[in-house]
Amino acid sequence: MQVQITVADGTITEVTVPVYPASDQRDIEINSRALPILIQETIDAQSAQIDMVSGATVTSVGYIQSLQEAIDQANLQ
């Protein structure tokens, strides 16, 4: 899982996930449902302190960990 953020004036303005598990149909189904939710929560919260998506625990954990790394690299919070 790899999360990238775009920051403008100390605000997360965009989140992309260029690398995520997609090795089988189940991964694709889970991620197509969970990633948009996680991305919107990130924009709303402006941090990695977001809720995990029910039924997508592995995706949520990987996303949040990668998001926190991106936030740390951007020197936010």
C-alpha atoms as a PDB file:
ATOM      1  CA  MET A   1       0.000   0.000   0.000  1.00  0.00           C
ATOM      2  CA  GLN A   2       1.340   3.411  -0.940  1.00  0.00           C
ATOM      3  CA  VAL A   3      -0.475   6.636  -0.133  1.00  0.00           C
ATOM      4  CA  GLN A   4       0.593   9.981  -1.578  1.00  0.00           C
ATOM      5  CA  ILE A   5      -0.702  13.333  -0.416  1.00  0.00           C
ATOM      6  CA  THR A   6      -0.685  16.782  -1.954  1.00  0.00           C
ATOM      7  CA  VAL A   7      -0.326  19.612   0.542  1.00  0.00           C
ATOM      8  CA  ALA A   8      -1.038  23.309  -0.014  1.00  0.00           C
ATOM      9  CA  ASP A   9      -0.593  25.861   2.763  1.00  0.00           C
ATOM     10  CA  GLY A  10      -0.409  23.107   5.381  1.00  0.00           C
ATOM     11  CA  THR A  11      -3.640  21.463   4.207  1.00  0.00           C
ATOM     12  CA  ILE A  12      -4.015  18.046   2.596  1.00  0.00           C
ATOM     13  CA  THR A  13      -5.724  18.870  -0.689  1.00  0.00           C
ATOM     14  CA  GLU A  14      -5.452  15.552  -2.508  1.00  0.00           C
ATOM     15  CA  VAL A  15      -4.826  11.911  -1.683  1.00  0.00           C
ATOM     16  CA  THR A  16      -3.870   9.242  -4.198  1.00  0.00           C
ATOM     17  CA  VAL A  17      -3.170   5.554  -3.732  1.00  0.00           C
ATOM     18  CA  PRO A  18      -0.976   4.509  -6.656  1.00  0.00           C
ATOM     19  CA  VAL A  19      -0.075   1.134  -5.127  1.00  0.00           C
ATOM     20  CA  TYR A  20      -2.590  -1.115  -3.389  1.00  0.00           C
ATOM     21  CA  PRO A  21      -3.350  -4.839  -3.226  1.00  0.00           C
ATOM     22  CA  ALA A  22      -5.098  -6.010  -6.377  1.00  0.00           C
ATOM     23  CA  SER A  23      -3.883  -9.574  -6.731  1.00  0.00           C
ATOM     24  CA  ASP A  24      -7.336 -11.111  -6.913  1.00  0.00           C
ATOM     25  CA  GLN A  25     -10.975 -10.161  -7.433  1.00  0.00           C
ATOM     26  CA  ARG A  26     -11.679  -9.970  -3.689  1.00  0.00           C
ATOM     27  CA  ASP A  27      -8.854  -7.436  -3.163  1.00  0.00           C
ATOM     28  CA  ILE A  28     -10.174  -5.363  -6.059  1.00  0.00           C
ATOM     29  CA  GLU A  29     -13.730  -5.397  -4.669  1.00  0.00           C
ATOM     30  CA  ILE A  30     -12.647  -4.449  -1.145  1.00  0.00           C
ATOM     31  CA  ASN A  31     -10.292  -1.699  -2.286  1.00  0.00           C
ATOM     32  CA  SER A  32     -12.726  -0.203  -4.788  1.00  0.00           C
ATOM     33  CA  ARG A  33     -15.172   0.224  -1.894  1.00  0.00           C
ATOM     34  CA  ALA A  34     -12.782   1.115   0.937  1.00  0.00           C
ATOM     35  CA  LEU A  35     -10.248   3.455  -0.674  1.00  0.00           C
ATOM     36  CA  PRO A  36     -12.694   6.239  -1.641  1.00  0.00           C
ATOM     37  CA  ILE A  37     -14.030   6.224   1.926  1.00  0.00           C
ATOM     38  CA  LEU A  38     -10.536   6.352   3.436  1.00  0.00           C
ATOM     39  CA  ILE A  39      -9.484   9.140   1.074  1.00  0.00           C
ATOM     40  CA  GLN A  40     -12.546  11.254   1.916  1.00  0.00           C
ATOM     41  CA  GLU A  41     -12.022  10.705   5.636  1.00  0.00           C
ATOM     42  CA  THR A  42      -8.411  11.836   5.237  1.00  0.00           C
ATOM     43  CA  ILE A  43      -9.452  15.059   3.505  1.00  0.00           C
ATOM     44  CA  ASP A  44     -12.096  15.690   6.165  1.00  0.00           C
ATOM     45  CA  ALA A  45      -9.867  14.882   9.175  1.00  0.00           C
ATOM     46  CA  GLN A  46      -6.631  16.359   7.782  1.00  0.00           C
ATOM     47  CA  SER A  47      -4.766  13.608   9.629  1.00  0.00           C
ATOM     48  CA  ALA A  48      -4.280   9.865   9.873  1.00  0.00           C
ATOM     49  CA  GLN A  49      -6.722   9.750  12.798  1.00  0.00           C
ATOM     50  CA  ILE A  50      -9.515   8.216  10.741  1.00  0.00           C
ATOM     51  CA  ASP A  51     -11.864   5.273  11.155  1.00  0.00           C
ATOM     52  CA  MET A  52     -11.127   1.939   9.576  1.00  0.00           C
ATOM     53  CA  VAL A  53     -13.618   0.662   7.009  1.00  0.00           C
ATOM     54  CA  SER A  54     -15.645  -2.316   8.202  1.00  0.00           C
ATOM     55  CA  GLY A  55     -14.777  -5.428   6.217  1.00  0.00           C
ATOM     56  CA  ALA A  56     -11.539  -3.887   4.959  1.00  0.00           C
ATOM     57  CA  THR A  57      -9.305  -4.119   8.013  1.00  0.00           C
ATOM     58  CA  VAL A  58      -6.101  -5.052   6.188  1.00  0.00           C
ATOM     59  CA  THR A  59      -6.630  -2.309   3.617  1.00  0.00           C
ATOM     60  CA  SER A  60      -7.472   0.227   6.324  1.00  0.00           C
ATOM     61  CA  VAL A  61      -4.407  -0.597   8.432  1.00  0.00           C
ATOM     62  CA  GLY A  62      -2.071  -0.449   5.434  1.00  0.00           C
ATOM     63  CA  TYR A  63      -3.635   2.799   4.238  1.00  0.00           C
ATOM     64  CA  ILE A  64      -3.412   4.492   7.635  1.00  0.00           C
ATOM     65  CA  GLN A  65       0.219   3.428   8.133  1.00  0.00           C
ATOM     66  CA  SER A  66       1.237   4.694   4.692  1.00  0.00           C
ATOM     67  CA  LEU A  67      -0.796   7.869   5.174  1.00  0.00           C
ATOM     68  CA  GLN A  68       0.992   8.589   8.459  1.00  0.00           C
ATOM     69  CA  GLU A  69       4.358   8.144   6.717  1.00  0.00           C
ATOM     70  CA  ALA A  70       3.286  10.608   3.997  1.00  0.00           C
ATOM     71  CA  ILE A  71       2.115  13.099   6.632  1.00  0.00           C
ATOM     72  CA  ASP A  72       5.400  12.736   8.511  1.00  0.00           C
ATOM     73  CA  GLN A  73       7.400  13.298   5.311  1.00  0.00           C
ATOM     74  CA  ALA A  74       5.363  16.430   4.603  1.00  0.00           C
ATOM     75  CA  ASN A  75       6.108  17.667   8.150  1.00  0.00           C
ATOM     76  CA  LEU A  76       2.415  18.003   8.974  1.00  0.00           C
ATOM     77  CA  GLN A  77       1.105  17.664  12.541  1.00  0.00           C
END
